[in-house]
Structures are given as C-alpha cells and as structure tokens.
C-alpha cells in the first residue's frame, strides 16, 4: 500500500553546529538523543514528517553490515567520509514486517526488520517511551542514498505540536527532491518503495504522489532550473538533494535569515538555502 513521508536523515559531522544552523534558520530543534550503535541525533518536527539531524558520535560502537542486516551506523559513517547532506529517506509504515516482505519480493531489500526503543522527553520534561521498527530498501545503482519505512509503536509519545511550532512559520513538507542523470532508470524502484503504481512523468523527471507529499526524481538541469542550485551527480544513480518546506510568508523567512546571517537566495518565487550553507543539503521554502 502507498506510504507517506516519515523522516529524512541529515548526516552531519558536527551535530550541535548543524542544530545551531537549523535554529538560526527558524526551526525548533530537539535535544540530543543517543543510539546504542554509536550515532546521536537531534530532531526537527514538521507537521507531517521530521528531520533527523545525525552525527556519528561514537564510531567504536558501530557494527558492520551483515548478511541479512543493514547497519544504519555504518552506512552513515561511510556517507560522511565523502560528504554531508541528506543520506536517507524514510517513509511511514503501519506494519514494517509486511513491508520488509514486500520489499524482498520486489527485489529491493534483503534484510530483517530492525527494532529499537529509546526514552524520549516531552516539552515539559516528562520522560516517555519510544519504539520503532524499520524495514530498509536500496537501489543498487544508487550507493549514496538509502531508503526505509518506519513503524512508530508509540506515536502519541513522539509527535507533539509544541515541537512543530517554528519561528520561520514552517508547516508541512510538500515533498523531497532527488536527482539522477536518468530519472526513468529508477521508476521500478520508486514504485516498489513508495507503493505508488501510477507515477507522474514530465519533462522534469518522475514523481510519486504519496499520501502526504511528493517524492520526485529530477534531472540535474531541471533541479538547477527549479531551485537555482547545480547538484553534483557523477554516475552515482540517485542522490537525495532537497527538502521543500511550506510557509505562509516567504518574506518573513527571508528577513529572519538575513537577521541570522544565513545566505538564502530567491529563485523562481522560492527561497533557497544552498548546500554550502545548509551542511550539504538544499532547503527550499515556498508558499502553498
């Protein structure tokens, strides 16, 4: 069945510096969380998904990939050895075990479901239990991005309107933009991963309209024309390049950025923070 956006992993080398950037850009950023496998994160919640700002903080704890197990820590460690930026796209799931079986039958995965739990904190400081199950997927032609679906077992303890209020006025994420030299080469994977059988094709690329946003694969020239940023694509299949944010007032966001010293730029009615400013990612602010 079709999925929706759940979260995007933004892999960075300095978690607190990246969190300070997001805060300066007008986002509310959560406290540091620690994983048993060596990564730490801080969360930015939006209305329909969240950003997981991720650092490999304890590399000695990272386990290698196994025959039927994907190592979240090892992938992001290797990703950061080359670049910072968006490393993983995770959609939501109501049953990760069923999704894992579906991914395997489609030929886009061969790993067991990954279950884990941690303690979270409400805005008032109250501790709560969080637990997740993830089923991973990959496109062999795209080594620099990984995919998964995530089942939240205590969603009422995770999602909180207090964390979704931002100085920039950002609300939902309308979609994500990936880049590939030949987007059509990845349409079979995109169908199997998103559960959307009817993709939208255009001169720009291909798009899956999922339940709460769009997952789009664009040609590099189309990405540049749309957002004013030239992505680096060198025969590595898809890369996860940009996240789009819906705002009521672009001028308000632009003024906040100017006040904070963030070099965003206007392009085709949008406000864009380029990757050399946003820790390897492209952030796009647009009106509904």
Protein backbone atom coordinates (compact mmCIF):
# COMPACT_ATOMS: atom_id res chain seq x y z
CA UNK A 1 0.00 0.00 0.00
CA UNK A 2 1.18 3.60 -0.54
CA UNK A 3 3.25 5.20 2.19
CA UNK A 4 3.74 8.80 3.32
CA UNK A 5 6.74 10.81 4.42
CA UNK A 6 8.06 9.94 7.88
CA UNK A 7 11.54 11.45 8.14
CA UNK A 8 14.72 12.44 6.36
CA UNK A 9 18.19 11.78 7.77
CA UNK A 10 20.56 14.74 7.52
CA UNK A 11 24.03 13.34 8.18
CA UNK A 12 26.47 15.92 9.55
CA UNK A 13 29.93 15.94 11.09
CA UNK A 14 29.09 18.34 13.92
CA UNK A 15 25.64 17.76 15.38
CA UNK A 16 25.49 20.82 17.60
CA UNK A 17 26.76 23.13 14.85
CA UNK A 18 24.12 21.76 12.46
CA UNK A 19 21.44 22.17 15.13
CA UNK A 20 22.55 25.78 15.58
CA UNK A 21 22.19 26.30 11.83
CA UNK A 22 18.64 24.92 11.84
CA UNK A 23 17.77 27.04 14.85
CA UNK A 24 19.14 30.17 13.14
CA UNK A 25 17.13 29.27 10.04
CA UNK A 26 13.95 29.42 12.12
CA UNK A 27 13.39 25.82 13.23
CA UNK A 28 12.73 24.41 16.69
CA UNK A 29 15.37 21.75 17.37
CA UNK A 30 15.09 18.99 19.97
CA UNK A 31 17.69 17.87 22.48
CA UNK A 32 20.48 15.38 21.77
CA UNK A 33 19.48 11.70 21.69
CA UNK A 34 21.93 8.78 21.78
CA UNK A 35 21.72 5.44 19.99
CA UNK A 36 23.35 2.27 21.27
CA UNK A 37 25.07 1.77 17.88
CA UNK A 38 27.11 4.98 18.02
CA UNK A 39 25.01 7.66 16.32
CA UNK A 40 23.47 10.68 18.04
CA UNK A 41 20.63 12.79 16.71
CA UNK A 42 18.55 15.89 17.21
CA UNK A 43 15.05 16.16 15.80
CA UNK A 44 13.18 18.87 13.89
CA UNK A 45 9.48 18.02 13.78
CA UNK A 46 7.25 19.34 11.00
CA UNK A 47 3.50 18.89 10.58
CA UNK A 48 3.79 15.71 8.51
CA UNK A 49 7.33 14.42 8.99
CA UNK A 50 10.61 15.24 10.70
CA UNK A 51 14.29 15.81 10.06
CA UNK A 52 16.74 13.60 11.91
CA UNK A 53 19.99 15.56 12.18
CA UNK A 54 22.53 12.78 12.68
CA UNK A 55 26.15 12.57 13.78
CA UNK A 56 28.40 9.52 14.11
CA UNK A 57 29.47 10.42 17.64
CA UNK A 58 30.83 7.08 18.88
CA UNK A 59 32.34 5.26 15.89
CA UNK A 60 33.75 2.45 18.04
CA UNK A 61 30.18 1.28 18.70
CA UNK A 62 29.22 0.89 15.03
CA UNK A 63 28.56 -2.65 13.86
CA UNK A 64 29.22 -3.76 10.26
CA UNK A 65 26.57 -4.75 7.76
CA UNK A 66 25.53 -8.39 8.00
CA UNK A 67 24.28 -10.97 5.52
CA UNK A 68 20.67 -10.02 6.25
CA UNK A 69 21.13 -6.89 8.33
CA UNK A 70 21.65 -3.27 7.35
CA UNK A 71 23.86 -1.22 9.65
CA UNK A 72 22.39 2.27 9.98
CA UNK A 73 25.55 3.49 11.69
CA UNK A 74 27.96 2.00 9.16
CA UNK A 75 26.10 3.46 6.19
CA UNK A 76 26.04 6.96 7.64
CA UNK A 77 29.68 6.71 8.72
CA UNK A 78 30.66 5.83 5.15
CA UNK A 79 28.38 8.54 3.75
CA UNK A 80 30.06 11.16 5.94
CA UNK A 81 33.51 10.05 4.83
CA UNK A 82 32.61 11.62 1.46
CA UNK A 83 30.06 14.35 2.13
CA UNK A 84 27.47 15.86 4.44
CA UNK A 85 23.82 16.05 3.43
CA UNK A 86 20.61 14.07 3.21
CA UNK A 87 21.58 10.41 3.42
CA UNK A 88 18.30 8.54 3.89
CA UNK A 89 14.62 8.89 3.01
CA UNK A 90 12.21 7.12 5.38
CA UNK A 91 8.50 6.72 4.70
CA UNK A 92 5.86 5.74 7.25
CA UNK A 93 4.61 2.23 7.83
CA UNK A 94 1.70 0.57 9.61
CA UNK A 95 3.43 -2.83 9.53
CA UNK A 96 7.20 -2.93 8.97
CA UNK A 97 7.29 -6.74 8.82
CA UNK A 98 4.81 -6.78 5.93
CA UNK A 99 6.76 -4.03 4.18
CA UNK A 100 10.02 -5.95 4.58
CA UNK A 101 8.44 -8.97 2.90
CA UNK A 102 7.08 -6.76 0.11
CA UNK A 103 10.48 -5.14 -0.45
CA UNK A 104 12.16 -8.54 -0.59
CA UNK A 105 9.66 -9.92 -3.10
CA UNK A 106 10.19 -6.79 -5.23
CA UNK A 107 13.96 -7.29 -5.16
CA UNK A 108 14.78 -4.02 -3.41
CA UNK A 109 15.77 -5.41 0.00
CA UNK A 110 17.13 -8.47 1.75
CA UNK A 111 17.39 -7.59 5.43
CA UNK A 112 15.47 -8.30 8.61
CA UNK A 113 13.28 -5.72 10.30
CA UNK A 114 15.27 -3.55 12.70
CA UNK A 115 13.54 -2.92 16.04
CA UNK A 116 14.74 -0.47 18.66
CA UNK A 117 13.48 1.65 21.54
CA UNK A 118 14.72 4.66 23.47
CA UNK A 119 13.49 7.14 26.02
CA UNK A 120 12.18 10.46 24.78
CA UNK A 121 11.23 13.67 26.55
CA UNK A 122 8.09 15.77 26.25
CA UNK A 123 8.46 19.58 26.06
CA UNK A 124 7.66 19.77 29.79
CA UNK A 125 10.50 17.32 30.59
CA UNK A 126 8.30 14.26 31.13
CA UNK A 127 10.09 11.06 30.03
CA UNK A 128 8.23 8.82 27.57
CA UNK A 129 8.90 5.52 25.83
CA UNK A 130 9.58 5.49 22.10
CA UNK A 131 9.88 2.37 19.94
CA UNK A 132 10.31 1.90 16.19
CA UNK A 133 10.53 -0.87 13.59
CA UNK A 134 12.31 -0.18 10.31
CA UNK A 135 12.40 -2.08 7.03
CA UNK A 136 15.24 -0.99 4.75
CA UNK A 137 15.40 -0.81 0.96
CA UNK A 138 18.07 0.09 -1.57
CA UNK A 139 18.57 0.82 -5.23
CA UNK A 140 21.84 -0.93 -6.19
CA UNK A 141 22.51 1.78 -8.78
CA UNK A 142 22.40 4.48 -6.06
CA UNK A 143 25.09 3.79 -3.43
CA UNK A 144 24.90 7.24 -1.80
CA UNK A 145 21.33 7.10 -0.53
CA UNK A 146 19.34 4.51 1.41
CA UNK A 147 15.64 4.09 1.99
CA UNK A 148 13.40 2.66 4.69
CA UNK A 149 9.93 2.66 6.14
CA UNK A 150 9.38 3.28 9.84
CA UNK A 151 6.60 1.98 12.09
CA UNK A 152 6.07 4.05 15.26
CA UNK A 153 4.82 1.91 18.13
CA UNK A 154 4.06 4.85 20.44
CA UNK A 155 3.31 7.70 18.01
CA UNK A 156 1.42 9.60 20.68
CA UNK A 157 4.69 9.88 22.63
CA UNK A 158 6.68 11.13 19.64
CA UNK A 159 4.59 13.64 17.73
CA UNK A 160 3.94 16.85 19.68
CA UNK A 161 2.53 20.18 18.41
CA UNK A 162 4.88 22.03 20.78
CA UNK A 163 7.85 20.76 18.75
CA UNK A 164 6.13 21.66 15.45
CA UNK A 165 5.97 25.41 16.09
CA UNK A 166 8.81 27.23 14.34
CA UNK A 167 9.93 30.86 14.23
CA UNK A 168 10.01 30.67 10.44
CA UNK A 169 6.34 29.68 10.33
CA UNK A 170 7.20 26.42 8.54
CA UNK A 171 4.33 23.96 8.49
CA UNK A 172 4.32 20.81 6.38
CA UNK A 173 6.85 19.38 3.95
CA UNK A 174 5.25 19.19 0.48
CA UNK A 175 7.94 16.86 -0.79
CA UNK A 176 11.53 15.86 -1.34
CA UNK A 177 13.64 16.20 -4.48
CA UNK A 178 16.16 13.63 -5.61
CA UNK A 179 18.49 13.95 -8.57
CA UNK A 180 19.59 11.40 -11.16
CA UNK A 181 21.04 11.66 -14.65
CA UNK A 182 18.24 9.43 -15.93
CA UNK A 183 15.24 9.52 -13.56
CA UNK A 184 13.34 6.91 -15.59
CA UNK A 185 16.05 4.36 -14.76
CA UNK A 186 14.73 4.38 -11.19
CA UNK A 187 10.98 4.18 -11.79
CA UNK A 188 10.73 0.47 -10.91
CA UNK A 189 12.45 1.08 -7.59
CA UNK A 190 10.34 4.17 -6.84
CA UNK A 191 7.11 2.23 -7.44
CA UNK A 192 8.18 -0.67 -5.24
CA UNK A 193 9.40 1.57 -2.43
CA UNK A 194 6.54 4.08 -2.28
CA UNK A 195 3.73 1.66 -3.16
CA UNK A 196 2.51 4.11 -5.81
CA UNK A 197 1.89 2.27 -9.07
CA UNK A 198 0.97 5.30 -11.18
CA UNK A 199 3.95 7.66 -11.31
CA UNK A 200 3.67 11.12 -12.83
CA UNK A 201 6.17 11.69 -15.67
CA UNK A 202 7.11 15.06 -17.14
CA UNK A 203 9.99 16.83 -18.85
CA UNK A 204 11.43 17.49 -15.38
CA UNK A 205 11.52 13.85 -14.24
CA UNK A 206 9.24 11.39 -12.42
CA UNK A 207 7.16 11.87 -9.29
CA UNK A 208 5.37 9.63 -6.82
CA UNK A 209 2.45 11.40 -5.15
CA UNK A 210 2.37 9.69 -1.76
CA UNK A 211 -0.21 10.23 0.98
CA UNK A 212 1.31 13.39 2.48
CA UNK A 213 3.73 14.79 -0.11
CA UNK A 214 5.74 14.09 -3.25
CA UNK A 215 8.87 12.07 -3.88
CA UNK A 216 10.41 13.44 -7.06
CA UNK A 217 13.44 12.39 -9.09
CA UNK A 218 14.72 15.18 -11.33
CA UNK A 219 17.43 15.57 -13.93
CA UNK A 220 20.33 17.78 -12.75
CA UNK A 221 19.48 20.55 -15.22
CA UNK A 222 15.85 20.55 -14.08
CA UNK A 223 16.92 20.76 -10.44
CA UNK A 224 19.12 23.75 -11.29
CA UNK A 225 16.33 25.46 -13.23
CA UNK A 226 13.78 24.89 -10.46
CA UNK A 227 15.93 25.76 -7.45
CA UNK A 228 18.99 27.68 -8.69
CA UNK A 229 21.45 25.08 -7.37
CA UNK A 230 23.66 22.87 -9.52
CA UNK A 231 23.78 19.40 -7.91
CA UNK A 232 26.88 17.25 -8.15
CA UNK A 233 25.92 13.97 -9.86
CA UNK A 234 28.75 11.79 -11.11
CA UNK A 235 27.37 8.48 -12.26
CA UNK A 236 26.14 7.52 -8.80
CA UNK A 237 22.44 7.00 -9.52
CA UNK A 238 20.01 8.88 -7.29
CA UNK A 239 21.03 11.31 -4.60
CA UNK A 240 18.70 12.89 -2.04
CA UNK A 241 19.25 16.59 -2.52
CA UNK A 242 16.46 18.83 -1.30
CA UNK A 243 13.64 19.21 1.16
CA UNK A 244 10.72 21.56 0.46
CA UNK A 245 9.01 23.50 3.25
CA UNK A 246 5.60 25.15 3.10
CA UNK A 247 5.44 28.64 4.60
CA UNK A 248 2.77 31.34 4.68
CA UNK A 249 5.16 34.26 4.21
CA UNK A 250 8.45 33.89 2.32
CA UNK A 251 9.43 37.49 3.10
CA UNK A 252 9.19 36.72 6.81
CA UNK A 253 11.55 33.74 6.41
CA UNK A 254 13.94 35.79 4.29
CA UNK A 255 14.07 38.55 6.90
CA UNK A 256 14.77 36.00 9.63
CA UNK A 257 17.61 34.54 7.56
CA UNK A 258 19.12 37.96 6.93
CA UNK A 259 18.98 38.71 10.63
CA UNK A 260 20.67 35.38 11.42
CA UNK A 261 23.32 35.75 8.72
CA UNK A 262 22.06 32.83 6.62
CA UNK A 263 22.72 33.31 2.91
CA UNK A 264 19.46 32.16 1.37
CA UNK A 265 18.54 33.30 -2.13
CA UNK A 266 15.36 33.92 -4.10
CA UNK A 267 14.72 31.76 -7.15
CA UNK A 268 11.52 31.40 -9.20
CA UNK A 269 9.32 32.52 -6.33
CA UNK A 270 11.06 30.32 -3.77
CA UNK A 271 13.62 30.98 -1.05
CA UNK A 272 16.54 28.55 -1.26
CA UNK A 273 19.32 27.77 1.21
CA UNK A 274 22.12 26.15 -0.85
CA UNK A 275 24.16 23.12 0.26
CA UNK A 276 27.32 25.08 1.03
CA UNK A 277 25.27 26.88 3.71
CA UNK A 278 22.96 24.05 4.87
CA UNK A 279 25.53 21.36 5.73
CA UNK A 280 25.41 19.72 2.29
CA UNK A 281 21.61 19.88 1.87
CA UNK A 282 19.32 22.19 -0.10
CA UNK A 283 16.40 23.69 1.83
CA UNK A 284 13.55 25.19 -0.19
CA UNK A 285 10.88 27.47 1.28
CA UNK A 286 7.74 28.00 -0.80
CA UNK A 287 4.14 29.08 -0.39
CA UNK A 288 1.30 26.59 -0.72
